[in-house]
N, C-alpha and C. Protein backbone atom coordinates (compact mmCIF):
# COMPACT_ATOMS: atom_id res chain seq x y z
N UNK A 1 -45.15 -53.78 -15.38
CA UNK A 1 -45.49 -52.22 -15.27
C UNK A 1 -46.55 -52.25 -17.01
N UNK A 2 -47.87 -51.69 -16.42
CA UNK A 2 -48.51 -51.08 -17.29
C UNK A 2 -47.96 -49.79 -17.72
N UNK A 3 -48.21 -49.35 -18.88
CA UNK A 3 -47.96 -48.13 -19.72
C UNK A 3 -48.90 -47.58 -19.65
N UNK A 4 -48.87 -46.20 -19.75
CA UNK A 4 -50.11 -45.23 -20.18
C UNK A 4 -50.28 -44.77 -21.52
N UNK A 5 -51.81 -44.73 -21.29
CA UNK A 5 -51.82 -44.42 -22.47
C UNK A 5 -52.85 -43.00 -22.99
N UNK A 6 -52.30 -42.80 -23.09
CA UNK A 6 -53.23 -41.17 -24.01
C UNK A 6 -54.31 -41.03 -25.13
N UNK A 7 -55.71 -41.49 -25.09
CA UNK A 7 -55.84 -41.73 -26.06
C UNK A 7 -57.04 -40.56 -26.21
N UNK A 8 -57.81 -40.48 -27.76
CA UNK A 8 -58.37 -39.55 -28.24
C UNK A 8 -60.43 -39.22 -27.21
N UNK A 9 -61.35 -39.02 -26.57
CA UNK A 9 -61.61 -39.23 -27.70
C UNK A 9 -63.30 -38.19 -27.38
N UNK A 10 -64.65 -38.56 -27.99
CA UNK A 10 -65.43 -36.67 -27.68
C UNK A 10 -66.73 -36.84 -26.43
N UNK A 11 -66.48 -36.09 -25.88
CA UNK A 11 -67.37 -36.33 -24.83
C UNK A 11 -67.65 -34.63 -25.19
N UNK A 12 -69.39 -34.16 -25.59
CA UNK A 12 -70.26 -33.93 -25.56
C UNK A 12 -69.36 -32.76 -26.75
N UNK A 13 -69.60 -33.60 -27.97
CA UNK A 13 -69.55 -32.91 -29.23
C UNK A 13 -67.50 -32.50 -29.36
N UNK A 14 -66.78 -32.09 -27.99
CA UNK A 14 -65.84 -32.06 -28.11
C UNK A 14 -64.59 -32.76 -26.95
N UNK A 15 -63.44 -33.02 -28.24
CA UNK A 15 -62.53 -33.55 -27.67
C UNK A 15 -61.53 -33.34 -27.41
N UNK A 16 -61.24 -34.62 -26.51
CA UNK A 16 -61.08 -34.97 -24.78
C UNK A 16 -59.74 -35.54 -24.50
N UNK A 17 -58.75 -35.25 -23.82
CA UNK A 17 -57.81 -36.93 -23.74
C UNK A 17 -57.66 -37.25 -22.68
N UNK A 18 -57.46 -38.69 -22.84
CA UNK A 18 -57.75 -40.05 -21.10
C UNK A 18 -56.14 -40.01 -21.15
N UNK A 19 -55.89 -39.77 -20.24
CA UNK A 19 -54.63 -41.36 -20.09
C UNK A 19 -54.70 -42.23 -19.26
N UNK A 20 -54.98 -43.09 -19.84
CA UNK A 20 -55.41 -44.46 -18.85
C UNK A 20 -54.22 -45.63 -18.96
N UNK A 21 -53.59 -46.41 -17.58
CA UNK A 21 -52.92 -47.69 -18.37
C UNK A 21 -53.72 -48.89 -19.03
N UNK A 22 -52.91 -48.85 -20.15
CA UNK A 22 -53.46 -50.84 -20.57
C UNK A 22 -54.87 -51.91 -19.83
N UNK A 23 -54.54 -52.08 -19.01
CA UNK A 23 -55.91 -52.35 -18.70
C UNK A 23 -56.48 -51.66 -18.19
N UNK A 24 -56.31 -50.59 -17.92
CA UNK A 24 -57.78 -50.36 -17.92
C UNK A 24 -58.78 -50.21 -19.22
N UNK A 25 -57.93 -49.35 -20.74
CA UNK A 25 -58.17 -49.71 -21.36
C UNK A 25 -58.73 -50.70 -21.51
N UNK A 26 -58.09 -52.34 -21.46
CA UNK A 26 -59.33 -53.05 -21.81
C UNK A 26 -60.46 -53.44 -21.15
N UNK A 27 -59.96 -52.84 -19.35
CA UNK A 27 -61.51 -53.50 -19.33
C UNK A 27 -62.41 -52.79 -19.48
N UNK A 28 -61.96 -51.33 -19.42
CA UNK A 28 -63.82 -50.65 -20.48
C UNK A 28 -64.00 -50.92 -22.16
N UNK A 29 -62.97 -51.38 -22.39
CA UNK A 29 -63.63 -51.78 -23.73
C UNK A 29 -64.13 -53.11 -24.06
N UNK A 30 -63.91 -54.13 -22.34
CA UNK A 30 -64.94 -54.57 -22.42
C UNK A 30 -66.76 -55.04 -21.92
N UNK A 31 -66.39 -54.93 -20.79
CA UNK A 31 -66.59 -53.37 -20.45
C UNK A 31 -68.27 -52.81 -21.36
N UNK A 32 -67.74 -51.70 -22.38
CA UNK A 32 -67.88 -50.97 -23.30
C UNK A 32 -69.84 -52.66 -25.33
N UNK A 33 -68.45 -53.53 -24.39
CA UNK A 33 -68.70 -54.53 -25.99
C UNK A 33 -69.70 -55.47 -24.64
N UNK A 34 -69.55 -55.62 -23.77
CA UNK A 34 -71.42 -56.42 -22.65
C UNK A 34 -72.55 -55.62 -23.21
N UNK A 35 -71.91 -54.52 -23.07
CA UNK A 35 -73.21 -53.74 -23.05
C UNK A 35 -73.40 -53.48 -24.02
N UNK A 36 -72.96 -52.96 -25.40
CA UNK A 36 -73.48 -53.69 -26.78
C UNK A 36 -73.22 -52.32 -26.88
N UNK A 37 -72.83 -50.82 -26.20
CA UNK A 37 -71.85 -49.73 -26.84
C UNK A 37 -71.22 -49.40 -26.86
N UNK A 38 -71.12 -47.83 -27.91
CA UNK A 38 -68.87 -47.69 -28.02
C UNK A 38 -68.60 -47.31 -26.57
N UNK A 39 -67.12 -47.41 -26.84
CA UNK A 39 -66.07 -46.69 -25.48
C UNK A 39 -66.14 -45.42 -25.10
N UNK A 40 -66.61 -45.05 -26.91
CA UNK A 40 -66.90 -42.73 -26.39
C UNK A 40 -68.00 -43.01 -25.32
N UNK A 41 -69.09 -43.49 -25.98
CA UNK A 41 -70.28 -43.31 -25.14
C UNK A 41 -69.95 -43.82 -23.31
N UNK A 42 -69.42 -44.96 -23.40
CA UNK A 42 -69.90 -45.77 -21.93
C UNK A 42 -68.32 -44.51 -20.68
N UNK A 43 -67.69 -44.07 -21.29
CA UNK A 43 -66.54 -42.91 -21.31
C UNK A 43 -67.52 -41.36 -21.37
N UNK A 44 -68.28 -41.25 -21.91
CA UNK A 44 -69.44 -40.45 -22.16
C UNK A 44 -70.37 -40.59 -20.94
N UNK A 45 -71.40 -41.36 -20.33
CA UNK A 45 -71.24 -41.87 -19.24
C UNK A 45 -70.70 -41.18 -18.13
N UNK A 46 -70.33 -42.11 -17.70
CA UNK A 46 -69.05 -41.64 -16.39
C UNK A 46 -68.21 -40.49 -16.53
N UNK A 47 -68.59 -39.93 -17.80
CA UNK A 47 -67.81 -38.00 -17.49
C UNK A 47 -69.21 -37.23 -16.35
N UNK A 48 -70.47 -38.54 -17.70
CA UNK A 48 -71.33 -37.06 -16.90
C UNK A 48 -71.48 -37.32 -15.28
N UNK A 49 -71.20 -38.88 -14.55
CA UNK A 49 -71.39 -39.04 -14.07
C UNK A 49 -70.99 -38.78 -12.47
N UNK A 50 -69.16 -37.58 -13.33
CA UNK A 50 -69.15 -37.69 -11.76
C UNK A 50 -68.97 -36.40 -11.14
N UNK A 51 -67.95 -35.65 -10.04
CA UNK A 51 -68.35 -35.06 -9.54
C UNK A 51 -67.12 -33.42 -10.73
N UNK A 52 -67.86 -32.69 -10.05
CA UNK A 52 -67.52 -31.87 -10.46
C UNK A 52 -65.64 -31.73 -10.54
N UNK A 53 -65.42 -32.40 -9.25
CA UNK A 53 -63.48 -31.85 -8.87
C UNK A 53 -62.85 -33.23 -9.62
N UNK A 54 -63.62 -34.67 -9.43
CA UNK A 54 -62.94 -35.20 -10.05
C UNK A 54 -62.58 -35.24 -11.31
N UNK A 55 -61.61 -35.73 -11.60
CA UNK A 55 -60.09 -36.25 -12.81
C UNK A 55 -61.24 -37.69 -13.72
N UNK A 56 -61.12 -36.62 -15.16
CA UNK A 56 -61.89 -37.73 -15.47
C UNK A 56 -61.27 -39.37 -15.65
N UNK A 57 -59.80 -39.51 -15.66
CA UNK A 57 -59.21 -40.60 -15.59
C UNK A 57 -59.31 -40.68 -13.81
N UNK A 58 -59.07 -40.99 -13.45
CA UNK A 58 -59.46 -41.34 -11.96
C UNK A 58 -60.80 -41.76 -12.45
N UNK A 59 -61.88 -40.51 -12.37
CA UNK A 59 -63.33 -42.05 -12.60
C UNK A 59 -63.65 -43.02 -13.12
N UNK A 60 -62.51 -42.86 -14.30
CA UNK A 60 -62.92 -44.38 -15.00
C UNK A 60 -62.17 -45.11 -14.57
N UNK A 61 -60.77 -45.05 -13.77
CA UNK A 61 -60.49 -45.83 -12.91
C UNK A 61 -60.70 -46.93 -11.76
N UNK A 62 -62.44 -45.94 -11.16
CA UNK A 62 -62.90 -45.88 -10.72
C UNK A 62 -63.96 -47.26 -10.35
N UNK A 63 -64.77 -46.32 -11.97
CA UNK A 63 -65.75 -47.01 -12.72
C UNK A 63 -65.59 -48.32 -12.92
N UNK A 64 -63.54 -48.49 -13.07
CA UNK A 64 -63.60 -50.05 -13.35
C UNK A 64 -63.60 -50.77 -12.33
N UNK A 65 -62.84 -49.91 -11.16
CA UNK A 65 -62.88 -51.09 -9.58
C UNK A 65 -64.44 -51.70 -9.38
N UNK A 66 -65.09 -50.87 -9.63
CA UNK A 66 -66.43 -50.38 -9.68
C UNK A 66 -67.43 -52.10 -9.82
N UNK A 67 -67.14 -51.80 -11.00
CA UNK A 67 -67.73 -52.80 -12.70
C UNK A 67 -66.68 -54.52 -11.36
N UNK A 68 -66.16 -54.11 -11.56
CA UNK A 68 -65.35 -55.28 -11.62
C UNK A 68 -65.82 -56.23 -9.82
N UNK A 69 -66.00 -55.43 -9.13
CA UNK A 69 -66.25 -55.35 -7.96
C UNK A 69 -67.38 -56.48 -8.01
N UNK A 70 -68.41 -55.47 -8.43
CA UNK A 70 -69.66 -55.87 -9.21
C UNK A 70 -69.76 -57.39 -9.16
N UNK A 71 -68.74 -57.51 -10.50
CA UNK A 71 -68.76 -59.01 -10.77
C UNK A 71 -69.06 -59.76 -10.14
N UNK A 72 -67.79 -59.84 -8.94
CA UNK A 72 -67.32 -60.98 -8.48
C UNK A 72 -68.04 -60.68 -7.45
N UNK A 73 -69.10 -60.53 -7.42
CA UNK A 73 -70.24 -59.81 -5.46
C UNK A 73 -71.10 -60.69 -6.51
N UNK A 74 -70.83 -60.76 -8.38
CA UNK A 74 -72.37 -61.43 -8.71
C UNK A 74 -73.21 -60.40 -8.10
């Protein structure tokens, strides 16, 4: 079972904490590297696109899932 890790990120100039399991952090880092952008910028973009009632950690998990599905579907 994977541990939940809390990391501090800056969104719109403000620090916030995000809690995710290690595999999600790893895949987010991989996606950011593939897109030649920082992990923080990727998280900011996901944050900007999430719904008002959607938790950032949940939005990041869904983003990872959609990214992996898109890769699988080619």
